[in-house]
């Protein structure tokens, strides 16, 4: 049975250009830190990739620090900025964190609270998952001198809400506080401009935009001070030691370029498919609740809550019918408690348990949407009957 893939926010297929760029490096031998011919060839691949990524996101090549992906980039930014600021001024122990952050940021902040005596302050969002600059201003107004950093994701991985990053970064900058954003979902889909937004650190990863898994970058301003998480050979400005993966870096750059070239047309196409998907599901299940519908959203994410259903049961019914989607973040899969994102948005636990995320990407098609719409009604009916039967027992 051919499967319909609607989980692009978890990972998306590699773009042909990225496959070709990655594969071209597999037969080459050379450490990019070595001085012989093979090493110099690898270094050229890395530096050309660095320049391409910097140009795409309006950064300087020196700003691009290669990582293994989003989780490492978030850890490096959040821990590294906190350690540096706290060492500079021990009063700076507070970390302001968006309440709907990905676990790569959320759990890093909690680790700092447990092991480094940091104080975490969660920045609240509205019912659409939107964090306003005025909320951040209020959090910084009285005690900015005690804040080590602010971290707010550019676009939410579960419901798709797009934050006003430039406005938030401007507030933090006015108070002299470093600002980090997790742009894993935004890069490749939105017009990400590192220079114009004024952020100090920005995380992106390859496999969310059609590059290889295990490749990523942290865009880090040259004047931003971070304490490394990894120590060793001093690669990447002595911020991220380790032998550089020339093949992965080449694939990442190729995916970044390919996504940027067709970004506007791809975003418009995904938004049209998403709207068709939501409209079709509403006809099939009239009481469905669409999350973040009144906020700026990523074009490819549709987050839907189905009253009277268990999301896990619904997910498996759809999977059995040939439609692959998610109950939310893949990093939270298998966790029985409702999403912290939906809780922060004020959604009831009962409704949150019946939620699904369907996400489209660069390979999504009209027939994918049609298949999902045709499948959802029977799946919801069966999930509701199963839940009623379980309750009756």
Protein backbone atom coordinates (compact mmCIF):
# COMPACT_ATOMS: atom_id res chain seq x y z
CA UNK A 1 0.00 0.00 0.00
CA UNK A 2 1.36 3.41 -0.99
CA UNK A 3 1.54 5.64 2.06
CA UNK A 4 0.51 9.29 2.12
CA UNK A 5 3.15 11.21 4.07
CA UNK A 6 1.82 14.16 6.06
CA UNK A 7 4.55 14.49 8.70
CA UNK A 8 6.99 16.86 7.00
CA UNK A 9 7.36 18.93 10.19
CA UNK A 10 9.04 15.88 11.75
CA UNK A 11 11.34 15.31 8.78
CA UNK A 12 11.02 15.87 5.05
CA UNK A 13 12.52 13.93 2.13
CA UNK A 14 15.95 14.99 0.93
CA UNK A 15 15.90 17.25 -2.11
CA UNK A 16 17.57 15.80 -5.22
CA UNK A 17 20.14 18.61 -5.14
CA UNK A 18 21.04 17.70 -1.55
CA UNK A 19 21.29 14.00 -2.39
CA UNK A 20 23.63 14.80 -5.26
CA UNK A 21 25.79 17.17 -3.21
CA UNK A 22 26.08 14.74 -0.32
CA UNK A 23 26.78 11.73 -2.52
CA UNK A 24 29.49 13.58 -4.42
CA UNK A 25 31.56 13.78 -1.23
CA UNK A 26 31.34 10.14 -0.18
CA UNK A 27 34.26 9.07 -2.34
CA UNK A 28 36.56 11.84 -1.13
CA UNK A 29 38.97 11.39 1.75
CA UNK A 30 40.23 14.35 3.71
CA UNK A 31 39.77 16.04 7.06
CA UNK A 32 38.90 19.71 6.58
CA UNK A 33 41.42 20.56 9.30
CA UNK A 34 44.31 18.82 7.50
CA UNK A 35 46.79 20.77 5.39
CA UNK A 36 47.39 18.25 2.62
CA UNK A 37 45.53 18.28 -0.70
CA UNK A 38 42.69 16.06 0.50
CA UNK A 39 42.19 18.23 3.56
CA UNK A 40 42.25 21.42 1.52
CA UNK A 41 39.62 19.99 -0.84
CA UNK A 42 37.37 19.15 2.09
CA UNK A 43 37.95 22.62 3.55
CA UNK A 44 36.91 24.20 0.25
CA UNK A 45 33.63 22.26 0.29
CA UNK A 46 32.97 23.40 3.86
CA UNK A 47 33.79 27.05 3.23
CA UNK A 48 31.78 27.25 0.02
CA UNK A 49 28.83 25.78 1.91
CA UNK A 50 29.35 28.28 4.72
CA UNK A 51 29.31 31.17 2.25
CA UNK A 52 26.15 29.89 0.53
CA UNK A 53 24.24 29.47 3.79
CA UNK A 54 25.37 32.89 5.02
CA UNK A 55 24.25 34.55 1.78
CA UNK A 56 20.86 32.84 1.87
CA UNK A 57 20.06 33.98 5.40
CA UNK A 58 21.76 37.40 5.14
CA UNK A 59 24.53 36.55 7.59
CA UNK A 60 28.31 36.76 7.33
CA UNK A 61 30.26 33.53 6.71
CA UNK A 62 31.93 33.88 10.11
CA UNK A 63 28.47 33.78 11.70
CA UNK A 64 27.83 30.22 10.47
CA UNK A 65 28.80 27.53 12.99
CA UNK A 66 28.15 24.00 11.73
CA UNK A 67 26.46 21.54 14.10
CA UNK A 68 24.86 18.10 13.96
CA UNK A 69 21.35 19.58 13.91
CA UNK A 70 18.72 21.51 15.81
CA UNK A 71 19.10 19.89 19.21
CA UNK A 72 22.84 20.52 19.36
CA UNK A 73 22.40 24.06 18.07
CA UNK A 74 19.77 24.87 20.70
CA UNK A 75 21.91 23.39 23.48
CA UNK A 76 24.97 25.32 22.34
CA UNK A 77 23.06 28.60 22.14
CA UNK A 78 21.08 28.33 25.36
CA UNK A 79 23.78 26.80 27.57
CA UNK A 80 26.62 28.71 25.94
CA UNK A 81 24.99 32.13 26.15
CA UNK A 82 23.82 31.48 29.71
CA UNK A 83 27.24 30.37 30.94
CA UNK A 84 28.98 33.31 29.30
CA UNK A 85 26.57 35.94 30.63
CA UNK A 86 26.41 34.44 34.11
CA UNK A 87 30.21 34.28 34.31
CA UNK A 88 30.39 37.92 33.25
CA UNK A 89 27.80 38.97 35.84
CA UNK A 90 26.65 36.42 38.48
CA UNK A 91 23.42 38.36 38.96
CA UNK A 92 22.31 37.23 35.50
CA UNK A 93 20.61 33.96 36.41
CA UNK A 94 17.22 34.37 34.75
CA UNK A 95 16.42 32.75 31.41
CA UNK A 96 13.25 33.90 29.65
CA UNK A 97 11.78 31.07 27.59
CA UNK A 98 8.72 30.98 25.35
CA UNK A 99 6.12 28.68 26.88
CA UNK A 100 5.66 26.74 23.63
CA UNK A 101 9.31 25.98 22.86
CA UNK A 102 10.54 22.72 21.37
CA UNK A 103 11.91 20.29 23.95
CA UNK A 104 15.45 20.92 22.68
CA UNK A 105 15.14 24.40 24.22
CA UNK A 106 12.68 23.65 27.01
CA UNK A 107 14.63 20.72 28.44
CA UNK A 108 17.93 22.57 28.10
CA UNK A 109 16.52 25.43 30.16
CA UNK A 110 15.22 22.98 32.77
CA UNK A 111 18.68 21.37 32.91
CA UNK A 112 20.22 24.77 33.61
CA UNK A 113 17.70 25.30 36.41
CA UNK A 114 18.50 21.92 37.98
CA UNK A 115 22.27 21.88 37.55
CA UNK A 116 23.35 25.51 37.23
CA UNK A 117 20.91 27.23 39.56
CA UNK A 118 19.34 29.22 36.71
CA UNK A 119 15.91 30.76 37.19
CA UNK A 120 13.51 29.99 34.34
CA UNK A 121 10.65 32.33 33.52
CA UNK A 122 8.10 31.07 31.03
CA UNK A 123 6.79 33.74 28.67
CA UNK A 124 3.04 33.23 28.18
CA UNK A 125 1.31 33.04 24.79
CA UNK A 126 -2.26 33.74 23.71
CA UNK A 127 -4.86 31.20 22.56
CA UNK A 128 -3.20 31.04 19.12
CA UNK A 129 0.24 30.42 20.58
CA UNK A 130 1.45 33.95 19.87
CA UNK A 131 3.97 35.72 22.12
CA UNK A 132 3.81 39.51 21.88
CA UNK A 133 6.73 41.94 22.24
CA UNK A 134 4.79 43.72 24.98
CA UNK A 135 4.83 40.53 27.04
CA UNK A 136 8.59 40.31 26.72
CA UNK A 137 8.94 44.01 27.49
CA UNK A 138 6.98 43.54 30.71
CA UNK A 139 9.21 40.61 31.71
CA UNK A 140 12.38 42.64 31.10
CA UNK A 141 11.27 46.08 32.25
CA UNK A 142 12.02 45.81 35.95
CA UNK A 143 14.82 43.24 36.17
CA UNK A 144 16.65 43.21 32.84
CA UNK A 145 19.96 43.24 34.71
CA UNK A 146 19.26 39.78 36.07
CA UNK A 147 18.45 38.17 32.70
CA UNK A 148 21.12 36.09 30.96
CA UNK A 149 19.22 35.48 27.72
CA UNK A 150 15.85 35.25 25.97
CA UNK A 151 14.94 32.32 23.72
CA UNK A 152 11.79 32.24 21.57
CA UNK A 153 11.18 29.96 18.59
CA UNK A 154 10.56 31.55 15.20
CA UNK A 155 7.75 29.19 14.20
CA UNK A 156 6.09 26.56 16.35
CA UNK A 157 6.63 22.95 15.34
CA UNK A 158 3.22 21.72 16.55
CA UNK A 159 0.65 24.37 15.64
CA UNK A 160 2.68 26.47 13.18
CA UNK A 161 2.34 29.88 14.85
CA UNK A 162 4.93 32.36 13.54
CA UNK A 163 6.34 34.70 16.18
CA UNK A 164 7.16 38.41 15.58
CA UNK A 165 10.86 37.67 15.93
CA UNK A 166 12.19 41.05 14.81
CA UNK A 167 10.00 42.83 17.37
CA UNK A 168 10.93 40.45 20.16
CA UNK A 169 14.64 40.69 19.36
CA UNK A 170 14.42 44.49 19.34
CA UNK A 171 12.97 44.45 22.86
CA UNK A 172 15.75 42.18 24.12
CA UNK A 173 18.41 44.27 22.39
CA UNK A 174 17.05 47.48 23.95
CA UNK A 175 17.63 45.90 27.36
CA UNK A 176 21.08 44.56 26.46
CA UNK A 177 20.00 40.91 26.65
CA UNK A 178 21.12 38.26 24.09
CA UNK A 179 18.29 36.75 22.03
CA UNK A 180 18.22 33.23 20.56
CA UNK A 181 15.62 31.80 18.22
CA UNK A 182 15.00 28.21 17.17
CA UNK A 183 14.28 28.66 13.45
CA UNK A 184 14.24 24.94 12.62
CA UNK A 185 10.69 25.07 11.22
CA UNK A 186 11.02 28.55 9.70
CA UNK A 187 14.21 28.10 7.66
CA UNK A 188 13.39 27.07 4.12
CA UNK A 189 9.75 28.16 4.40
CA UNK A 190 9.79 31.76 5.67
CA UNK A 191 12.00 34.71 4.62
CA UNK A 192 14.56 34.22 7.38
CA UNK A 193 16.88 37.24 7.56
CA UNK A 194 19.53 36.93 10.27
CA UNK A 195 20.85 40.47 9.91
CA UNK A 196 17.51 42.29 9.71
CA UNK A 197 15.90 40.57 12.68
CA UNK A 198 18.76 41.46 15.00
CA UNK A 199 18.89 38.10 16.78
CA UNK A 200 22.16 36.99 18.35
CA UNK A 201 21.82 33.27 17.65
CA UNK A 202 19.61 31.26 15.29
CA UNK A 203 19.30 27.49 15.04
CA UNK A 204 18.52 25.56 11.85
CA UNK A 205 18.74 21.92 10.81
CA UNK A 206 19.05 20.11 7.51
CA UNK A 207 16.41 17.42 7.65
CA UNK A 208 13.52 19.85 8.12
CA UNK A 209 14.21 21.60 4.81
CA UNK A 210 15.29 18.73 2.58
CA UNK A 211 18.90 18.22 3.66
CA UNK A 212 20.53 15.24 5.36
CA UNK A 213 19.78 14.18 8.92
CA UNK A 214 22.72 15.03 11.17
CA UNK A 215 23.54 18.36 9.54
CA UNK A 216 22.72 21.80 10.90
CA UNK A 217 24.04 25.21 11.78
CA UNK A 218 23.92 27.82 14.48
CA UNK A 219 24.05 31.34 13.09
CA UNK A 220 25.95 33.17 15.81
CA UNK A 221 26.91 36.82 15.68
CA UNK A 222 30.67 37.27 15.71
CA UNK A 223 30.44 39.48 18.81
CA UNK A 224 28.27 37.01 20.72
CA UNK A 225 30.16 35.26 23.50
CA UNK A 226 29.29 31.63 24.19
CA UNK A 227 30.94 28.96 26.31
CA UNK A 228 31.40 25.79 24.21
CA UNK A 229 29.49 22.63 25.04
CA UNK A 230 32.03 20.48 23.17
CA UNK A 231 35.78 20.81 23.60
CA UNK A 232 38.52 19.44 21.40
CA UNK A 233 40.28 20.65 18.28
CA UNK A 234 38.90 24.18 18.33
CA UNK A 235 37.01 24.02 15.05
CA UNK A 236 34.21 26.48 14.24
CA UNK A 237 35.59 29.55 16.03
CA UNK A 238 36.48 27.30 19.00
CA UNK A 239 32.74 27.20 19.64
CA UNK A 240 32.00 23.73 18.32
CA UNK A 241 34.96 21.36 18.20
CA UNK A 242 34.84 18.21 16.10
CA UNK A 243 35.81 16.97 12.66
CA UNK A 244 33.58 18.65 10.10
CA UNK A 245 31.29 16.46 8.01
CA UNK A 246 32.02 17.78 4.53
CA UNK A 247 29.35 15.57 2.93
CA UNK A 248 26.66 16.64 5.38
CA UNK A 249 27.63 20.29 5.14
CA UNK A 250 27.50 20.13 1.34
CA UNK A 251 24.05 18.54 1.46
CA UNK A 252 22.82 21.12 3.95
CA UNK A 253 23.97 24.01 1.75
CA UNK A 254 22.42 22.47 -1.35
CA UNK A 255 19.08 22.05 0.44
CA UNK A 256 19.21 25.62 1.79
CA UNK A 257 19.85 27.02 -1.69
CA UNK A 258 17.21 24.85 -3.36
CA UNK A 259 14.58 25.74 -0.78
CA UNK A 260 15.36 29.45 -1.09
CA UNK A 261 15.11 29.52 -4.88
CA UNK A 262 11.51 28.31 -4.93
CA UNK A 263 10.47 29.42 -1.46
CA UNK A 264 7.63 31.83 -2.28
CA UNK A 265 5.99 29.56 -4.85
CA UNK A 266 6.39 26.53 -2.58
CA UNK A 267 4.91 28.37 0.40
CA UNK A 268 1.90 29.49 -1.66
CA UNK A 269 1.37 25.95 -2.93
CA UNK A 270 1.60 24.46 0.57
CA UNK A 271 -0.80 27.05 1.98
CA UNK A 272 -3.32 26.22 -0.75
CA UNK A 273 -3.00 22.50 -0.03
CA UNK A 274 -3.30 23.12 3.73
CA UNK A 275 -6.47 25.16 3.26
CA UNK A 276 -7.95 22.43 1.06
CA UNK A 277 -7.03 19.88 3.71
CA UNK A 278 -8.64 21.86 6.54
CA UNK A 279 -11.77 22.64 4.53
CA UNK A 280 -12.17 18.99 3.56
CA UNK A 281 -11.70 17.78 7.13
CA UNK A 282 -14.23 20.33 8.36
CA UNK A 283 -16.78 18.93 5.93
CA UNK A 284 -16.03 15.40 7.09
CA UNK A 285 -15.84 16.25 10.82
CA UNK A 286 -17.79 19.49 11.44
CA UNK A 287 -16.81 19.82 15.12
CA UNK A 288 -13.06 19.68 14.46
CA UNK A 289 -11.07 22.46 16.20
CA UNK A 290 -8.30 24.10 14.15
CA UNK A 291 -5.44 25.47 16.27
CA UNK A 292 -3.78 28.87 15.77
CA UNK A 293 -6.18 29.71 12.97
CA UNK A 294 -6.17 33.44 13.73
CA UNK A 295 -2.40 33.90 13.98
CA UNK A 296 0.32 34.06 11.31
CA UNK A 297 1.06 30.40 10.56
CA UNK A 298 3.48 28.26 8.66
CA UNK A 299 1.91 27.37 5.31
CA UNK A 300 2.34 23.63 5.70
CA UNK A 301 1.03 22.87 9.20
CA UNK A 302 -2.55 22.01 10.08
CA UNK A 303 -3.08 21.23 13.75
CA UNK A 304 -6.49 19.69 14.41
CA UNK A 305 -8.28 18.57 17.56
CA UNK A 306 -11.11 16.05 17.36
CA UNK A 307 -13.50 16.06 20.36
CA UNK A 308 -14.24 12.62 21.75
CA UNK A 309 -11.12 11.00 20.26
CA UNK A 310 -7.81 9.80 21.57
CA UNK A 311 -5.07 11.15 19.32
CA UNK A 312 -2.95 8.00 19.52
CA UNK A 313 -5.89 5.81 18.46
CA UNK A 314 -6.74 8.14 15.62
CA UNK A 315 -3.12 8.21 14.51
CA UNK A 316 -2.97 4.42 14.29
CA UNK A 317 -6.27 4.19 12.43
CA UNK A 318 -5.02 6.67 9.85
CA UNK A 319 -1.71 4.84 9.62
CA UNK A 320 -3.53 1.57 8.96
CA UNK A 321 -5.46 3.34 6.19
CA UNK A 322 -2.24 4.60 4.59
CA UNK A 323 -1.99 8.15 5.97
CA UNK A 324 1.04 9.06 8.09
CA UNK A 325 0.79 12.07 10.38
CA UNK A 326 1.61 12.92 14.00
CA UNK A 327 0.05 13.66 17.35
CA UNK A 328 2.43 16.63 17.67
CA UNK A 329 6.18 16.87 17.98
CA UNK A 330 7.95 13.65 17.03
CA UNK A 331 10.26 14.26 19.98
CA UNK A 332 7.24 13.82 22.27
CA UNK A 333 5.87 10.72 20.56
CA UNK A 334 4.81 8.03 22.98
CA UNK A 335 4.42 10.45 25.87
CA UNK A 336 0.99 9.99 27.43
CA UNK A 337 0.55 13.52 28.75
CA UNK A 338 -0.93 16.26 26.54
CA UNK A 339 1.37 18.65 24.72
CA UNK A 340 2.81 21.53 26.75
CA UNK A 341 2.23 23.71 23.68
CA UNK A 342 -1.52 23.14 23.74
CA UNK A 343 -1.61 23.58 27.52
CA UNK A 344 0.16 26.94 27.19
CA UNK A 345 -2.45 27.97 24.62
CA UNK A 346 -5.23 27.19 27.07
CA UNK A 347 -6.62 24.10 25.34
CA UNK A 348 -8.36 21.69 27.70
CA UNK A 349 -6.61 18.41 28.43
CA UNK A 350 -9.62 16.52 27.12
CA UNK A 351 -9.50 18.22 23.73
CA UNK A 352 -5.70 18.19 23.55
CA UNK A 353 -5.68 14.41 23.86
CA UNK A 354 -7.62 14.20 20.60
CA UNK A 355 -5.26 16.31 18.51
CA UNK A 356 -3.29 15.56 15.36
CA UNK A 357 -0.75 17.48 13.35
CA UNK A 358 -0.80 17.08 9.57
CA UNK A 359 2.14 18.79 7.92
CA UNK A 360 2.87 19.26 4.24
CA UNK A 361 6.20 19.74 2.52
CA UNK A 362 7.96 20.14 -0.80
CA UNK A 363 6.82 16.72 -2.07
CA UNK A 364 3.17 17.01 -0.98
CA UNK A 365 0.48 16.76 -3.66
CA UNK A 366 -3.22 17.27 -4.19
CA UNK A 367 -3.89 13.51 -4.11
CA UNK A 368 -2.23 13.41 -0.66
CA UNK A 369 -4.81 15.89 0.59
CA UNK A 370 -7.66 14.01 -1.06
CA UNK A 371 -6.58 10.75 0.55
CA UNK A 372 -6.39 12.33 4.01
CA UNK A 373 -9.81 13.94 3.66
CA UNK A 374 -11.40 10.67 2.50
CA UNK A 375 -9.83 8.77 5.39
CA UNK A 376 -10.41 11.11 8.32
CA UNK A 377 -14.21 10.79 8.69
CA UNK A 378 -14.33 7.00 9.07
CA UNK A 379 -11.26 7.09 11.32
CA UNK A 380 -12.81 9.67 13.66
CA UNK A 381 -16.10 7.74 13.82
CA UNK A 382 -14.26 4.54 14.71
CA UNK A 383 -12.03 6.27 17.28
CA UNK A 384 -15.07 7.80 18.97
CA UNK A 385 -16.91 4.48 19.09
CA UNK A 386 -13.84 2.80 20.58
CA UNK A 387 -13.53 5.45 23.25
CA UNK A 388 -17.22 5.21 24.15
CA UNK A 389 -16.92 1.44 24.40
CA UNK A 390 -13.90 1.78 26.67
CA UNK A 391 -15.73 4.27 28.87
CA UNK A 392 -18.73 1.97 29.14
CA UNK A 393 -16.57 -0.80 30.54
